[in-house]
Amino acid sequence: MNASSPAPLAALIQMTSGIDPDANLATIDRALAAAAEQGAAMAFLPEMSLLLDRDRARSGGHIAREADSPWPSALQAMAQKHGIWLHSGSMPLLADDGERRVNRSHVIAADGSIRARYDKIHMFDVALPSGENWRESASYEGGDALVVVDTPLGRMGLSICYDLRFPELYRALADRGATIIAIPAAFTVSTGEAHWHVLMRARAIETQCHVVAAAQCGTHADGRETYGHSVAIDPWGTVVADAGGTEAMAAKDYALALAPIDAAGGELARQAIPLERSRAARNIML
């Protein structure tokens, strides 16, 4: 990119995904059309964008191995139709070699090809002070691979939601050349109010990468409530876009926030605070 070229735009698509995959796909199609019309180079969906349903029996009828699922191909066709790169957020699929589920992201190019896949590593097994109890590992198995992929916005490291709380993962992605990190999420309201913005900013500051986090928001058909506030953070820790909370979802079934991803931002942050040089000087091996 030369000095006169504008920074490419990331489109954060905030959703209230429900238990009907076809309805969710229709929402995604409308949102992608809007993102493309506004000049976004790449769009980002939230965690579980295709199906958000904690009823295992009900959701089971929709979930298949990737080779048998209609969802990836539907998103591929949409990316190609709208001429835009797409991060799927994530979707529930059956593991390729077993009966347990995986929480999987896809990065899809504007020509419809899948450029990367990532299975969420850390399972959300918690008992919150609010009284909420979540045991993701009861149905899902965690992934075991770090993934980075080249995109129009830069070299992207992949993660999902609860991964956010493990800084060592993001250090490893930065060590593999990531300049931007995707963190699609479905944060609970209580943890979102307490930790969402501060953790997102911390991951950006400590890695000196852009962070792009599309989120679920509002009251869902399965009864859960999510925090929203899809955000883009620059490598200095500045919030450059925030889609807001439930008020942003009042007019339609998604909210769209655009954020410029300036490749120079990471270099400026590294020049100001040379973390790698300081690590090398102290001979710290992480």
Protein backbone atom coordinates (compact mmCIF):
# COMPACT_ATOMS: atom_id res chain seq x y z
CA MET A 1 0.00 0.00 0.00
CA ASN A 2 1.42 3.42 -0.91
CA ALA A 3 1.10 6.52 1.24
CA SER A 4 -1.92 7.81 -0.68
CA SER A 5 -3.92 4.57 -0.53
CA PRO A 6 -6.70 4.45 2.05
CA ALA A 7 -6.51 1.73 4.69
CA PRO A 8 -8.70 -1.29 3.84
CA LEU A 9 -11.93 -1.53 5.80
CA ALA A 10 -13.01 -4.35 8.10
CA ALA A 11 -16.77 -4.78 8.52
CA LEU A 12 -17.87 -6.10 11.92
CA ILE A 13 -21.29 -7.74 11.68
CA GLN A 14 -23.08 -7.94 15.02
CA MET A 15 -25.93 -10.45 15.19
CA THR A 16 -28.55 -12.00 17.45
CA SER A 17 -28.23 -15.47 15.95
CA GLY A 18 -31.00 -17.90 16.76
CA ILE A 19 -32.03 -21.52 16.41
CA ASP A 20 -33.01 -21.31 12.70
CA PRO A 21 -29.92 -21.58 10.45
CA ASP A 22 -31.83 -20.41 7.37
CA ALA A 23 -32.89 -17.20 9.12
CA ASN A 24 -29.33 -16.63 10.28
CA LEU A 25 -28.02 -17.13 6.74
CA ALA A 26 -30.54 -14.63 5.39
CA THR A 27 -29.34 -12.06 7.93
CA ILE A 28 -25.72 -12.71 6.98
CA ASP A 29 -26.52 -12.26 3.29
CA ARG A 30 -28.14 -8.86 3.92
CA ALA A 31 -25.26 -7.76 6.13
CA LEU A 32 -22.63 -8.82 3.60
CA ALA A 33 -24.40 -6.87 0.88
CA ALA A 34 -24.29 -3.76 3.08
CA ALA A 35 -20.62 -4.32 3.97
CA ALA A 36 -19.64 -4.71 0.32
CA GLU A 37 -21.67 -1.66 -0.69
CA GLN A 38 -19.77 0.41 1.88
CA GLY A 39 -16.41 -0.72 0.50
CA ALA A 40 -15.28 -3.26 3.10
CA ALA A 41 -12.44 -5.54 2.03
CA MET A 42 -13.36 -8.20 4.59
CA ALA A 43 -16.38 -8.92 6.79
CA PHE A 44 -16.39 -10.61 10.19
CA LEU A 45 -19.23 -12.60 11.73
CA PRO A 46 -19.62 -13.48 15.43
CA GLU A 47 -19.11 -16.82 17.14
CA MET A 48 -21.87 -19.32 16.32
CA SER A 49 -23.19 -17.08 13.57
CA LEU A 50 -25.04 -19.94 11.82
CA LEU A 51 -26.66 -21.50 14.88
CA LEU A 52 -26.78 -20.39 18.52
CA ASP A 53 -28.68 -23.03 20.48
CA ARG A 54 -27.74 -24.56 23.82
CA ASP A 55 -30.44 -27.25 23.49
CA ARG A 56 -28.25 -30.17 22.40
CA ALA A 57 -31.10 -32.36 21.20
CA ARG A 58 -32.70 -29.61 19.11
CA SER A 59 -29.44 -28.34 17.65
CA GLY A 60 -28.20 -31.85 16.88
CA GLY A 61 -30.45 -32.16 13.86
CA HIS A 62 -28.59 -29.32 12.14
CA ILE A 63 -25.00 -30.26 12.97
CA ALA A 64 -22.94 -32.45 10.64
CA ARG A 65 -19.33 -33.02 9.65
CA GLU A 66 -18.02 -30.22 7.49
CA ALA A 67 -18.05 -32.37 4.35
CA ASP A 68 -21.78 -32.97 4.87
CA SER A 69 -22.80 -29.53 6.13
CA PRO A 70 -24.46 -26.99 3.81
CA TRP A 71 -23.20 -24.03 5.82
CA PRO A 72 -19.60 -23.58 4.58
CA SER A 73 -20.67 -23.75 0.95
CA ALA A 74 -23.48 -21.26 1.60
CA LEU A 75 -20.98 -18.78 3.03
CA GLN A 76 -18.56 -19.43 0.17
CA ALA A 77 -21.30 -18.60 -2.32
CA MET A 78 -22.15 -15.39 -0.46
CA ALA A 79 -18.52 -14.24 -0.34
CA GLN A 80 -18.24 -14.81 -4.08
CA LYS A 81 -21.58 -13.14 -4.83
CA HIS A 82 -20.70 -10.01 -2.87
CA GLY A 83 -17.02 -9.99 -3.85
CA ILE A 84 -15.79 -9.76 -0.26
CA TRP A 85 -13.49 -11.75 2.01
CA LEU A 86 -15.33 -13.32 4.92
CA HIS A 87 -14.46 -14.58 8.39
CA SER A 88 -17.32 -16.89 9.35
CA GLY A 89 -17.06 -16.15 13.08
CA SER A 90 -17.65 -19.77 13.90
CA MET A 91 -20.15 -22.58 13.44
CA PRO A 92 -20.84 -25.86 15.24
CA LEU A 93 -19.79 -28.94 13.27
CA LEU A 94 -19.13 -32.56 14.06
CA ALA A 95 -15.45 -33.40 14.40
CA ASP A 96 -14.08 -34.91 11.21
CA ASP A 97 -13.00 -38.11 12.97
CA GLY A 98 -15.61 -38.50 15.69
CA GLU A 99 -19.05 -37.75 17.07
CA ARG A 100 -18.16 -34.80 19.32
CA ARG A 101 -18.61 -31.25 18.08
CA VAL A 102 -16.06 -28.60 17.19
CA ASN A 103 -16.47 -24.84 17.20
CA ARG A 104 -14.89 -23.95 13.83
CA SER A 105 -13.98 -20.72 12.03
CA HIS A 106 -13.44 -20.38 8.30
CA VAL A 107 -11.63 -17.65 6.39
CA ILE A 108 -13.12 -17.41 2.91
CA ALA A 109 -11.64 -15.40 0.04
CA ALA A 110 -13.71 -13.21 -2.30
CA ASP A 111 -13.47 -15.94 -4.94
CA GLY A 112 -15.26 -18.33 -2.57
CA SER A 113 -12.24 -20.47 -1.68
CA ILE A 114 -11.64 -21.47 1.95
CA ARG A 115 -8.20 -20.19 2.93
CA ALA A 116 -8.07 -21.33 6.57
CA ARG A 117 -9.92 -23.25 9.27
CA TYR A 118 -9.53 -22.96 13.03
CA ASP A 119 -11.11 -25.02 15.84
CA LYS A 120 -11.55 -23.19 19.14
CA ILE A 121 -8.89 -24.39 21.56
CA HIS A 122 -10.15 -23.34 24.99
CA MET A 123 -13.53 -24.61 26.19
CA PHE A 124 -15.82 -22.27 28.17
CA ASP A 125 -16.30 -24.30 31.37
CA VAL A 126 -17.21 -21.80 34.09
CA ALA A 127 -19.54 -21.06 36.99
CA LEU A 128 -20.08 -17.29 37.00
CA PRO A 129 -20.95 -15.08 39.97
CA SER A 130 -24.20 -14.24 38.12
CA GLY A 131 -25.31 -17.86 38.63
CA GLU A 132 -24.74 -18.88 35.01
CA ASN A 133 -23.06 -22.24 34.47
CA TRP A 134 -21.50 -23.20 31.15
CA ARG A 135 -19.84 -26.49 30.24
CA GLU A 136 -18.80 -26.24 26.62
CA SER A 137 -16.64 -29.35 26.94
CA ALA A 138 -19.75 -31.44 27.56
CA SER A 139 -20.46 -31.29 23.82
CA TYR A 140 -17.34 -29.86 22.19
CA GLU A 141 -13.73 -30.90 21.85
CA GLY A 142 -11.01 -28.31 21.68
CA GLY A 143 -8.70 -27.79 18.74
CA ASP A 144 -4.95 -28.25 18.95
CA ALA A 145 -3.52 -26.08 16.17
CA LEU A 146 -2.50 -22.43 15.87
CA VAL A 147 -3.60 -20.84 12.59
CA VAL A 148 -2.42 -17.74 10.73
CA VAL A 149 -3.50 -16.81 7.21
CA ASP A 150 -2.79 -14.02 4.74
CA THR A 151 -5.78 -11.73 4.06
CA PRO A 152 -6.35 -8.31 2.46
CA LEU A 153 -6.09 -6.81 5.96
CA GLY A 154 -2.77 -8.45 6.79
CA ARG A 155 -1.54 -11.73 8.22
CA MET A 156 -4.36 -12.84 10.48
CA GLY A 157 -4.19 -14.98 13.61
CA LEU A 158 -7.36 -16.92 14.45
CA SER A 159 -9.03 -17.41 17.81
CA ILE A 160 -12.57 -17.64 19.23
CA CYS A 161 -14.22 -16.06 22.29
CA TYR A 162 -12.90 -17.76 25.48
CA ASP A 163 -9.47 -18.03 23.85
CA LEU A 164 -9.30 -14.29 24.62
CA ARG A 165 -8.36 -15.04 28.23
CA PHE A 166 -5.15 -16.88 27.35
CA PRO A 167 -2.49 -14.31 26.38
CA GLU A 168 0.07 -17.00 25.56
CA LEU A 169 -2.03 -17.95 22.53
CA TYR A 170 -1.82 -14.42 21.15
CA ARG A 171 1.90 -14.15 21.81
CA ALA A 172 2.32 -17.33 19.76
CA LEU A 173 0.20 -15.93 16.92
CA ALA A 174 2.25 -12.73 16.88
CA ASP A 175 5.44 -14.81 16.84
CA ARG A 176 4.08 -16.50 13.70
CA GLY A 177 3.78 -13.14 11.97
CA ALA A 178 0.20 -12.10 12.76
CA THR A 179 -0.48 -8.38 12.32
CA ILE A 180 -4.23 -8.67 12.92
CA ILE A 181 -6.14 -11.03 15.20
CA ALA A 182 -9.76 -12.15 14.87
CA ILE A 183 -11.70 -12.89 18.07
CA PRO A 184 -15.36 -13.65 17.20
CA ALA A 185 -17.40 -14.02 20.36
CA ALA A 186 -20.69 -14.65 22.15
CA PHE A 187 -19.81 -13.08 25.51
CA THR A 188 -22.29 -13.23 28.36
CA VAL A 189 -23.59 -9.88 29.60
CA SER A 190 -21.98 -10.22 33.03
CA THR A 191 -18.50 -11.08 31.74
CA GLY A 192 -18.83 -8.58 28.90
CA GLU A 193 -19.59 -5.70 31.22
CA ALA A 194 -16.64 -6.62 33.41
CA HIS A 195 -13.95 -7.74 30.98
CA TRP A 196 -14.74 -7.33 27.26
CA HIS A 197 -13.14 -4.02 26.39
CA VAL A 198 -10.19 -4.29 28.75
CA LEU A 199 -9.21 -7.77 27.50
CA MET A 200 -9.57 -6.81 23.84
CA ARG A 201 -7.40 -3.74 24.36
CA ALA A 202 -4.84 -5.78 26.31
CA ARG A 203 -4.50 -8.35 23.53
CA ALA A 204 -3.93 -5.57 20.99
CA ILE A 205 -1.41 -3.71 23.15
CA GLU A 206 0.65 -6.73 24.17
CA THR A 207 0.87 -8.18 20.64
CA GLN A 208 1.02 -4.81 18.84
CA CYS A 209 -1.59 -6.17 16.43
CA HIS A 210 -4.98 -4.98 15.27
CA VAL A 211 -7.82 -6.87 16.96
CA VAL A 212 -11.17 -7.41 15.23
CA ALA A 213 -13.96 -8.93 17.33
CA ALA A 214 -17.47 -9.40 15.94
CA ALA A 215 -19.94 -10.34 18.66
CA GLN A 216 -23.37 -11.71 19.36
CA CYS A 217 -25.76 -9.27 21.01
CA GLY A 218 -29.15 -9.32 22.70
CA THR A 219 -31.67 -11.94 23.81
CA HIS A 220 -31.51 -15.12 21.73
CA ALA A 221 -34.16 -17.70 20.90
CA ASP A 222 -32.50 -20.25 23.18
CA GLY A 223 -32.87 -17.88 26.16
CA ARG A 224 -29.31 -16.66 26.57
CA GLU A 225 -28.29 -12.99 26.56
CA THR A 226 -25.08 -11.71 24.99
CA TYR A 227 -23.16 -8.48 25.43
CA GLY A 228 -22.50 -7.19 21.92
CA HIS A 229 -20.08 -4.28 21.47
CA SER A 230 -18.30 -5.70 18.44
CA VAL A 231 -14.99 -3.85 18.44
CA ALA A 232 -11.92 -3.10 16.39
CA ILE A 233 -8.79 -2.11 18.32
CA ASP A 234 -5.60 -0.71 16.82
CA PRO A 235 -2.09 -1.82 17.92
CA TRP A 236 -1.83 1.15 20.31
CA GLY A 237 -4.96 -0.06 22.13
CA THR A 238 -7.33 2.56 20.75
CA VAL A 239 -10.92 1.50 20.07
CA VAL A 240 -11.48 2.50 16.43
CA ALA A 241 -14.97 1.00 16.12
CA ASP A 242 -17.63 -0.20 18.57
CA ALA A 243 -21.01 -1.47 17.34
CA GLY A 244 -22.67 -0.81 20.70
CA GLY A 245 -25.05 -2.95 22.68
CA THR A 246 -28.71 -3.87 22.33
CA GLU A 247 -29.66 -0.34 21.30
CA ALA A 248 -27.73 -0.88 18.07
CA MET A 249 -29.92 -3.88 17.22
CA ALA A 250 -33.27 -2.11 17.52
CA ALA A 251 -33.71 -1.10 13.88
CA LYS A 252 -32.80 -4.40 12.20
CA ASP A 253 -31.49 -7.89 12.88
CA TYR A 254 -27.81 -6.94 12.64
CA ALA A 255 -25.52 -4.00 13.32
CA LEU A 256 -22.60 -3.06 11.10
CA ALA A 257 -19.46 -1.22 12.18
CA LEU A 258 -16.61 -0.33 9.82
CA ALA A 259 -12.99 0.02 10.88
CA PRO A 260 -9.90 0.99 8.85
CA ILE A 261 -7.01 -1.45 9.30
CA ASP A 262 -3.87 0.66 8.86
CA ALA A 263 -0.83 -1.53 8.25
CA ALA A 264 1.42 1.25 9.55
CA GLY A 265 -0.22 1.13 12.98
CA GLY A 266 1.68 -1.93 14.15
CA GLU A 267 5.01 -0.57 12.98
CA LEU A 268 4.41 2.72 14.78
CA ALA A 269 3.53 0.86 17.99
CA ARG A 270 6.65 -1.32 17.69
CA GLN A 271 8.85 1.74 17.16
CA ALA A 272 7.38 3.49 20.18
CA ILE A 273 7.59 0.47 22.50
CA PRO A 274 10.11 -2.08 21.13
CA LEU A 275 8.89 -5.17 22.96
CA GLU A 276 10.81 -7.65 20.83
CA ARG A 277 14.08 -5.81 21.31
CA SER A 278 13.50 -5.70 25.06
CA ARG A 279 12.77 -9.43 25.15
CA ALA A 280 15.93 -10.19 23.21
CA ALA A 281 18.00 -7.97 25.47
CA ARG A 282 16.83 -9.85 28.56
CA ASN A 283 17.16 -13.24 26.81
CA ILE A 284 13.66 -14.24 27.85
CA MET A 285 12.35 -17.26 26.01
CA LEU A 286 8.58 -17.64 26.10
